[in-house]
Amino acid sequence: MLKRVRLELARTRQYPNGNSDHGYEFVAPLTGDGHIDAEEWRRARKKCTVRRFAPAEDDEHGHLIHTQGRRWAFHYDLESEPDDDEPGYRFDEHNFREGEYVSITEHDGETRTFRVTSVR
C-alpha cells in the first residue's frame, strides 16, 4: 500500500530540537511492518515521488529509486548522474513508523539523521 512518509531533521548541534523546516516527504509502498516493499515499488515506481524541503532553498521534486545492491535513494533529475542521488542509509532494513530515525546522505555529501514524523 502506498504511504506518504514525512521525515524532519533530527537533533544536531545547530538544531538541538531538530528542524521541521528541513526534510523530505516521499511516497512509497510499505509492508504492514513499515518496510519498503520492493516488489510493489516496481509496479508503482512512477507514483513513488519525493519532495525535499530546506530553509532558504527551493523545494526539489523527484522520485524514490532502487538501485543495484538494494540501495534506495532520492533522485531529482532524470538527466543527472547517480552521484547526485541522495541515498538512504539501509532504507531496505528500516521500519518507517512515526518516531523512528533514518539517515540520508544529502547533496553536500553530509549524512544527516531524520525522524519519521508521519506515515499516512
C-alpha atoms as a PDB file:
ATOM      1  CA  MET A   1       0.000   0.000   0.000  1.00  0.00           C
ATOM      2  CA  LEU A   2       1.370   3.432  -0.926  1.00  0.00           C
ATOM      3  CA  LYS A   3       2.053   5.677   2.055  1.00  0.00           C
ATOM      4  CA  ARG A   4       3.248   9.274   2.369  1.00  0.00           C
ATOM      5  CA  VAL A   5       6.177   9.469   4.793  1.00  0.00           C
ATOM      6  CA  ARG A   6       7.415  12.748   6.291  1.00  0.00           C
ATOM      7  CA  LEU A   7      10.971  12.999   7.570  1.00  0.00           C
ATOM      8  CA  GLU A   8      12.254  16.000   9.554  1.00  0.00           C
ATOM      9  CA  LEU A   9      15.821  16.811  10.526  1.00  0.00           C
ATOM     10  CA  ALA A  10      16.637  15.267  13.908  1.00  0.00           C
ATOM     11  CA  ARG A  11      18.724  16.922  16.626  1.00  0.00           C
ATOM     12  CA  THR A  12      22.048  18.386  15.570  1.00  0.00           C
ATOM     13  CA  ARG A  13      24.481  20.812  17.184  1.00  0.00           C
ATOM     14  CA  GLN A  14      22.997  23.574  15.067  1.00  0.00           C
ATOM     15  CA  TYR A  15      19.405  22.476  15.814  1.00  0.00           C
ATOM     16  CA  PRO A  16      19.247  20.911  19.299  1.00  0.00           C
ATOM     17  CA  ASN A  17      15.465  20.435  18.929  1.00  0.00           C
ATOM     18  CA  GLY A  18      15.651  19.294  15.313  1.00  0.00           C
ATOM     19  CA  ASN A  19      14.279  21.320  12.402  1.00  0.00           C
ATOM     20  CA  SER A  20      10.806  20.747  10.991  1.00  0.00           C
ATOM     21  CA  ASP A  21      11.643  23.044   8.041  1.00  0.00           C
ATOM     22  CA  HIS A  22      14.326  20.668   6.697  1.00  0.00           C
ATOM     23  CA  GLY A  23      13.301  17.263   5.487  1.00  0.00           C
ATOM     24  CA  TYR A  24      11.563  15.068   2.969  1.00  0.00           C
ATOM     25  CA  GLU A  25       8.104  13.874   2.083  1.00  0.00           C
ATOM     26  CA  PHE A  26       8.052  10.776  -0.042  1.00  0.00           C
ATOM     27  CA  VAL A  27       5.577   8.204  -1.274  1.00  0.00           C
ATOM     28  CA  ALA A  28       6.496   4.526  -1.049  1.00  0.00           C
ATOM     29  CA  PRO A  29       4.757   1.173  -0.772  1.00  0.00           C
ATOM     30  CA  LEU A  30       5.165  -0.064   2.785  1.00  0.00           C
ATOM     31  CA  THR A  31       4.535  -3.515   4.166  1.00  0.00           C
ATOM     32  CA  GLY A  32       2.443  -3.999   7.297  1.00  0.00           C
ATOM     33  CA  ASP A  33       5.573  -3.730   9.451  1.00  0.00           C
ATOM     34  CA  GLY A  34       6.734  -0.497   7.776  1.00  0.00           C
ATOM     35  CA  HIS A  35       9.413  -1.768   5.368  1.00  0.00           C
ATOM     36  CA  ILE A  36       9.623  -0.543   1.779  1.00  0.00           C
ATOM     37  CA  ASP A  37       8.105  -3.216  -0.466  1.00  0.00           C
ATOM     38  CA  ALA A  38      10.489  -3.562  -3.442  1.00  0.00           C
ATOM     39  CA  GLU A  39       8.088  -5.705  -5.486  1.00  0.00           C
ATOM     40  CA  GLU A  40       5.245  -3.236  -5.106  1.00  0.00           C
ATOM     41  CA  TRP A  41       7.656  -0.360  -5.831  1.00  0.00           C
ATOM     42  CA  ARG A  42       8.427  -1.954  -9.217  1.00  0.00           C
ATOM     43  CA  ARG A  43       4.734  -1.818 -10.102  1.00  0.00           C
ATOM     44  CA  ALA A  44       4.168   1.733  -8.796  1.00  0.00           C
ATOM     45  CA  ARG A  45       7.562   3.421  -9.251  1.00  0.00           C
ATOM     46  CA  LYS A  46       6.139   6.433 -11.119  1.00  0.00           C
ATOM     47  CA  LYS A  47       3.930   7.194  -8.121  1.00  0.00           C
ATOM     48  CA  CYS A  48       6.872   6.959  -5.673  1.00  0.00           C
ATOM     49  CA  THR A  49       7.742  10.640  -5.554  1.00  0.00           C
ATOM     50  CA  VAL A  50       9.828  12.739  -3.176  1.00  0.00           C
ATOM     51  CA  ARG A  51       9.856  16.388  -2.158  1.00  0.00           C
ATOM     52  CA  ARG A  52      12.938  17.745  -0.407  1.00  0.00           C
ATOM     53  CA  PHE A  53      12.499  20.933   1.607  1.00  0.00           C
ATOM     54  CA  ALA A  54      15.036  23.058   3.470  1.00  0.00           C
ATOM     55  CA  PRO A  55      15.224  26.641   4.736  1.00  0.00           C
ATOM     56  CA  ALA A  56      16.282  29.225   2.134  1.00  0.00           C
ATOM     57  CA  GLU A  57      16.176  26.619  -0.655  1.00  0.00           C
ATOM     58  CA  ASP A  58      13.613  25.872  -3.329  1.00  0.00           C
ATOM     59  CA  ASP A  59      11.834  22.561  -2.864  1.00  0.00           C
ATOM     60  CA  GLU A  60      13.221  19.778  -5.023  1.00  0.00           C
ATOM     61  CA  HIS A  61      10.942  17.164  -6.540  1.00  0.00           C
ATOM     62  CA  GLY A  62      11.956  13.735  -7.750  1.00  0.00           C
ATOM     63  CA  HIS A  63      11.468  10.010  -7.268  1.00  0.00           C
ATOM     64  CA  LEU A  64      12.388   7.218  -4.912  1.00  0.00           C
ATOM     65  CA  ILE A  65      14.667   4.868  -6.839  1.00  0.00           C
ATOM     66  CA  HIS A  66      16.022   1.400  -6.143  1.00  0.00           C
ATOM     67  CA  THR A  67      19.476   0.601  -7.446  1.00  0.00           C
ATOM     68  CA  GLN A  68      21.684  -2.450  -7.534  1.00  0.00           C
ATOM     69  CA  GLY A  69      22.697  -3.766  -4.156  1.00  0.00           C
ATOM     70  CA  ARG A  70      19.311  -2.991  -2.554  1.00  0.00           C
ATOM     71  CA  ARG A  71      20.204   0.704  -2.313  1.00  0.00           C
ATOM     72  CA  TRP A  72      17.303   3.160  -2.062  1.00  0.00           C
ATOM     73  CA  ALA A  73      17.879   6.800  -2.986  1.00  0.00           C
ATOM     74  CA  PHE A  74      16.109  10.018  -3.867  1.00  0.00           C
ATOM     75  CA  HIS A  75      16.716  11.079  -7.468  1.00  0.00           C
ATOM     76  CA  TYR A  76      15.761  14.602  -8.581  1.00  0.00           C
ATOM     77  CA  ASP A  77      16.687  14.925 -12.241  1.00  0.00           C
ATOM     78  CA  LEU A  78      16.360  12.159 -14.769  1.00  0.00           C
ATOM     79  CA  GLU A  79      19.352  13.620 -16.638  1.00  0.00           C
ATOM     80  CA  SER A  80      21.647  13.772 -13.588  1.00  0.00           C
ATOM     81  CA  GLU A  81      24.388  11.345 -12.686  1.00  0.00           C
ATOM     82  CA  PRO A  82      23.851   8.708  -9.964  1.00  0.00           C
ATOM     83  CA  ASP A  83      26.431  10.571  -7.853  1.00  0.00           C
ATOM     84  CA  ASP A  84      23.824  13.334  -7.459  1.00  0.00           C
ATOM     85  CA  ASP A  85      21.327  10.988  -5.827  1.00  0.00           C
ATOM     86  CA  GLU A  86      20.676  11.189  -2.095  1.00  0.00           C
ATOM     87  CA  PRO A  87      20.964   7.637  -0.742  1.00  0.00           C
ATOM     88  CA  GLY A  88      19.155   6.483   2.346  1.00  0.00           C
ATOM     89  CA  TYR A  89      21.331   4.528   4.756  1.00  0.00           C
ATOM     90  CA  ARG A  90      19.978   0.962   4.954  1.00  0.00           C
ATOM     91  CA  PHE A  91      16.487   2.015   3.870  1.00  0.00           C
ATOM     92  CA  ASP A  92      15.883  -1.635   2.977  1.00  0.00           C
ATOM     93  CA  GLU A  93      16.163  -2.542   6.681  1.00  0.00           C
ATOM     94  CA  HIS A  94      14.293   0.376   8.276  1.00  0.00           C
ATOM     95  CA  ASN A  95      10.767   0.420   9.618  1.00  0.00           C
ATOM     96  CA  PHE A  96       9.140   3.643   8.506  1.00  0.00           C
ATOM     97  CA  ARG A  97       6.998   4.328  11.549  1.00  0.00           C
ATOM     98  CA  GLU A  98       6.462   7.533  13.483  1.00  0.00           C
ATOM     99  CA  GLY A  99       9.301   8.186  15.911  1.00  0.00           C
ATOM    100  CA  GLU A 100      11.888   6.062  14.066  1.00  0.00           C
ATOM    101  CA  TYR A 101      15.123   7.565  12.718  1.00  0.00           C
ATOM    102  CA  VAL A 102      16.803   7.205   9.326  1.00  0.00           C
ATOM    103  CA  SER A 103      19.929   8.689   7.760  1.00  0.00           C
ATOM    104  CA  ILE A 104      20.294  10.260   4.320  1.00  0.00           C
ATOM    105  CA  THR A 105      23.442  11.453   2.573  1.00  0.00           C
ATOM    106  CA  GLU A 106      22.445  14.807   1.120  1.00  0.00           C
ATOM    107  CA  HIS A 107      23.724  16.710  -1.943  1.00  0.00           C
ATOM    108  CA  ASP A 108      26.507  18.337   0.069  1.00  0.00           C
ATOM    109  CA  GLY A 109      27.923  14.912   0.973  1.00  0.00           C
ATOM    110  CA  GLU A 110      26.863  15.155   4.621  1.00  0.00           C
ATOM    111  CA  THR A 111      24.929  12.283   6.163  1.00  0.00           C
ATOM    112  CA  ARG A 112      22.168  13.631   8.374  1.00  0.00           C
ATOM    113  CA  THR A 113      19.668  11.892  10.615  1.00  0.00           C
ATOM    114  CA  PHE A 114      15.944  12.439  10.150  1.00  0.00           C
ATOM    115  CA  ARG A 115      12.992  11.480  12.312  1.00  0.00           C
ATOM    116  CA  VAL A 116       9.859   9.931  10.837  1.00  0.00           C
ATOM    117  CA  THR A 117       7.148  12.374  11.880  1.00  0.00           C
ATOM    118  CA  SER A 118       4.182  10.937   9.993  1.00  0.00           C
ATOM    119  CA  VAL A 119       3.120   7.984   7.873  1.00  0.00           C
ATOM    120  CA  ARG A 120      -0.271   8.260   6.198  1.00  0.00           C
END
